[in-house]
Amino acid sequence: MERISRVWAALVAGFLASVLVPAVAWAEESGVADVVRKKKGVSFGGFGLFGAICCLVVVAIIVIAVVMVMKRKR
């Protein structure tokens, strides 16, 4: 179980370093972050709903893959 924890930690760190950090830097540089900050609330219309569904699908695929790997080791 400790090995899986290390793998998840490495995946999260890699994701943060390769995707989120450049995305945040781009948003700050282009002015998108100011537009998002000015909005009063979070709306789930259009792309927001699609993004939420896509995120859930990706998380489900990752969970299924981890479960399958754990079952194979038994």
C-alpha atoms as a PDB file:
ATOM      1  CA  MET A   1       0.000   0.000   0.000  1.00  0.00           C
ATOM      2  CA  GLU A   2       2.923   2.326   0.653  1.00  0.00           C
ATOM      3  CA  ARG A   3       4.060   1.944  -2.940  1.00  0.00           C
ATOM      4  CA  ILE A   4       0.649   3.028  -4.245  1.00  0.00           C
ATOM      5  CA  SER A   5       0.765   6.093  -1.986  1.00  0.00           C
ATOM      6  CA  ARG A   6       4.133   7.065  -3.428  1.00  0.00           C
ATOM      7  CA  VAL A   7       2.844   6.570  -6.961  1.00  0.00           C
ATOM      8  CA  TRP A   8      -0.208   8.761  -6.296  1.00  0.00           C
ATOM      9  CA  ALA A   9       1.991  11.443  -4.726  1.00  0.00           C
ATOM     10  CA  ALA A  10       4.251  11.393  -7.768  1.00  0.00           C
ATOM     11  CA  LEU A  11       1.262  11.598 -10.127  1.00  0.00           C
ATOM     12  CA  VAL A  12      -0.228  14.560  -8.284  1.00  0.00           C
ATOM     13  CA  ALA A  13       3.093  16.378  -8.144  1.00  0.00           C
ATOM     14  CA  GLY A  14       3.695  15.726 -11.840  1.00  0.00           C
ATOM     15  CA  PHE A  15       0.211  16.946 -12.715  1.00  0.00           C
ATOM     16  CA  LEU A  16       0.641  20.122 -10.706  1.00  0.00           C
ATOM     17  CA  ALA A  17       4.045  20.843 -12.179  1.00  0.00           C
ATOM     18  CA  SER A  18       3.161  20.108 -15.799  1.00  0.00           C
ATOM     19  CA  VAL A  19      -0.431  21.334 -16.133  1.00  0.00           C
ATOM     20  CA  LEU A  20      -1.675  23.598 -13.381  1.00  0.00           C
ATOM     21  CA  VAL A  21       1.375  25.805 -12.849  1.00  0.00           C
ATOM     22  CA  PRO A  22       1.680  26.819 -16.538  1.00  0.00           C
ATOM     23  CA  ALA A  23      -2.106  27.268 -16.776  1.00  0.00           C
ATOM     24  CA  VAL A  24      -2.166  29.615 -13.788  1.00  0.00           C
ATOM     25  CA  ALA A  25       0.807  31.559 -15.146  1.00  0.00           C
ATOM     26  CA  TRP A  26      -0.911  31.924 -18.532  1.00  0.00           C
ATOM     27  CA  ALA A  27      -4.157  33.063 -16.891  1.00  0.00           C
ATOM     28  CA  GLU A  28      -2.340  35.726 -14.881  1.00  0.00           C
ATOM     29  CA  GLU A  29      -0.387  36.938 -17.883  1.00  0.00           C
ATOM     30  CA  SER A  30      -3.324  37.114 -20.288  1.00  0.00           C
ATOM     31  CA  GLY A  31      -5.804  38.740 -17.909  1.00  0.00           C
ATOM     32  CA  VAL A  32      -8.168  35.781 -17.699  1.00  0.00           C
ATOM     33  CA  ALA A  33      -7.595  35.556 -13.944  1.00  0.00           C
ATOM     34  CA  ASP A  34      -8.912  39.114 -13.469  1.00  0.00           C
ATOM     35  CA  VAL A  35     -12.124  38.268 -15.333  1.00  0.00           C
ATOM     36  CA  VAL A  36     -12.649  35.149 -13.212  1.00  0.00           C
ATOM     37  CA  ARG A  37     -11.999  37.067  -9.986  1.00  0.00           C
ATOM     38  CA  LYS A  38     -14.611  39.693 -10.908  1.00  0.00           C
ATOM     39  CA  LYS A  39     -17.369  37.085 -11.298  1.00  0.00           C
ATOM     40  CA  LYS A  40     -19.564  36.805  -8.231  1.00  0.00           C
ATOM     41  CA  GLY A  41     -20.242  33.070  -8.415  1.00  0.00           C
ATOM     42  CA  VAL A  42     -19.379  29.919 -10.274  1.00  0.00           C
ATOM     43  CA  SER A  43     -21.770  29.034 -13.071  1.00  0.00           C
ATOM     44  CA  PHE A  44     -22.042  25.515 -14.446  1.00  0.00           C
ATOM     45  CA  GLY A  45     -23.407  26.462 -17.853  1.00  0.00           C
ATOM     46  CA  GLY A  46     -21.929  25.303 -21.153  1.00  0.00           C
ATOM     47  CA  PHE A  47     -18.279  24.420 -20.770  1.00  0.00           C
ATOM     48  CA  GLY A  48     -18.510  24.288 -16.965  1.00  0.00           C
ATOM     49  CA  LEU A  49     -20.912  21.383 -17.076  1.00  0.00           C
ATOM     50  CA  PHE A  50     -18.894  19.654 -19.812  1.00  0.00           C
ATOM     51  CA  GLY A  51     -15.714  20.173 -17.778  1.00  0.00           C
ATOM     52  CA  ALA A  52     -17.305  18.693 -14.664  1.00  0.00           C
ATOM     53  CA  ILE A  53     -18.501  15.611 -16.557  1.00  0.00           C
ATOM     54  CA  CYS A  54     -15.121  15.200 -18.234  1.00  0.00           C
ATOM     55  CA  CYS A  55     -13.374  15.454 -14.871  1.00  0.00           C
ATOM     56  CA  LEU A  56     -15.621  12.781 -13.366  1.00  0.00           C
ATOM     57  CA  VAL A  57     -14.961  10.460 -16.322  1.00  0.00           C
ATOM     58  CA  VAL A  58     -11.185  10.890 -15.996  1.00  0.00           C
ATOM     59  CA  VAL A  59     -11.305  10.234 -12.246  1.00  0.00           C
ATOM     60  CA  ALA A  60     -13.449   7.127 -12.830  1.00  0.00           C
ATOM     61  CA  ILE A  61     -10.947   5.792 -15.395  1.00  0.00           C
ATOM     62  CA  ILE A  62      -8.062   6.324 -12.978  1.00  0.00           C
ATOM     63  CA  VAL A  63      -9.920   4.596 -10.131  1.00  0.00           C
ATOM     64  CA  ILE A  64     -10.826   1.638 -12.352  1.00  0.00           C
ATOM     65  CA  ALA A  65      -7.213   1.323 -13.509  1.00  0.00           C
ATOM     66  CA  VAL A  66      -5.918   1.347  -9.918  1.00  0.00           C
ATOM     67  CA  VAL A  67      -8.481  -1.260  -8.832  1.00  0.00           C
ATOM     68  CA  MET A  68      -7.551  -3.500 -11.754  1.00  0.00           C
ATOM     69  CA  VAL A  69      -3.827  -3.230 -10.963  1.00  0.00           C
ATOM     70  CA  MET A  70      -4.471  -4.017  -7.287  1.00  0.00           C
ATOM     71  CA  LYS A  71      -6.589  -7.084  -8.174  1.00  0.00           C
ATOM     72  CA  ARG A  72      -3.949  -8.378 -10.558  1.00  0.00           C
ATOM     73  CA  LYS A  73      -1.297  -8.334  -7.813  1.00  0.00           C
ATOM     74  CA  ARG A  74      -3.370 -10.626  -5.558  1.00  0.00           C
END
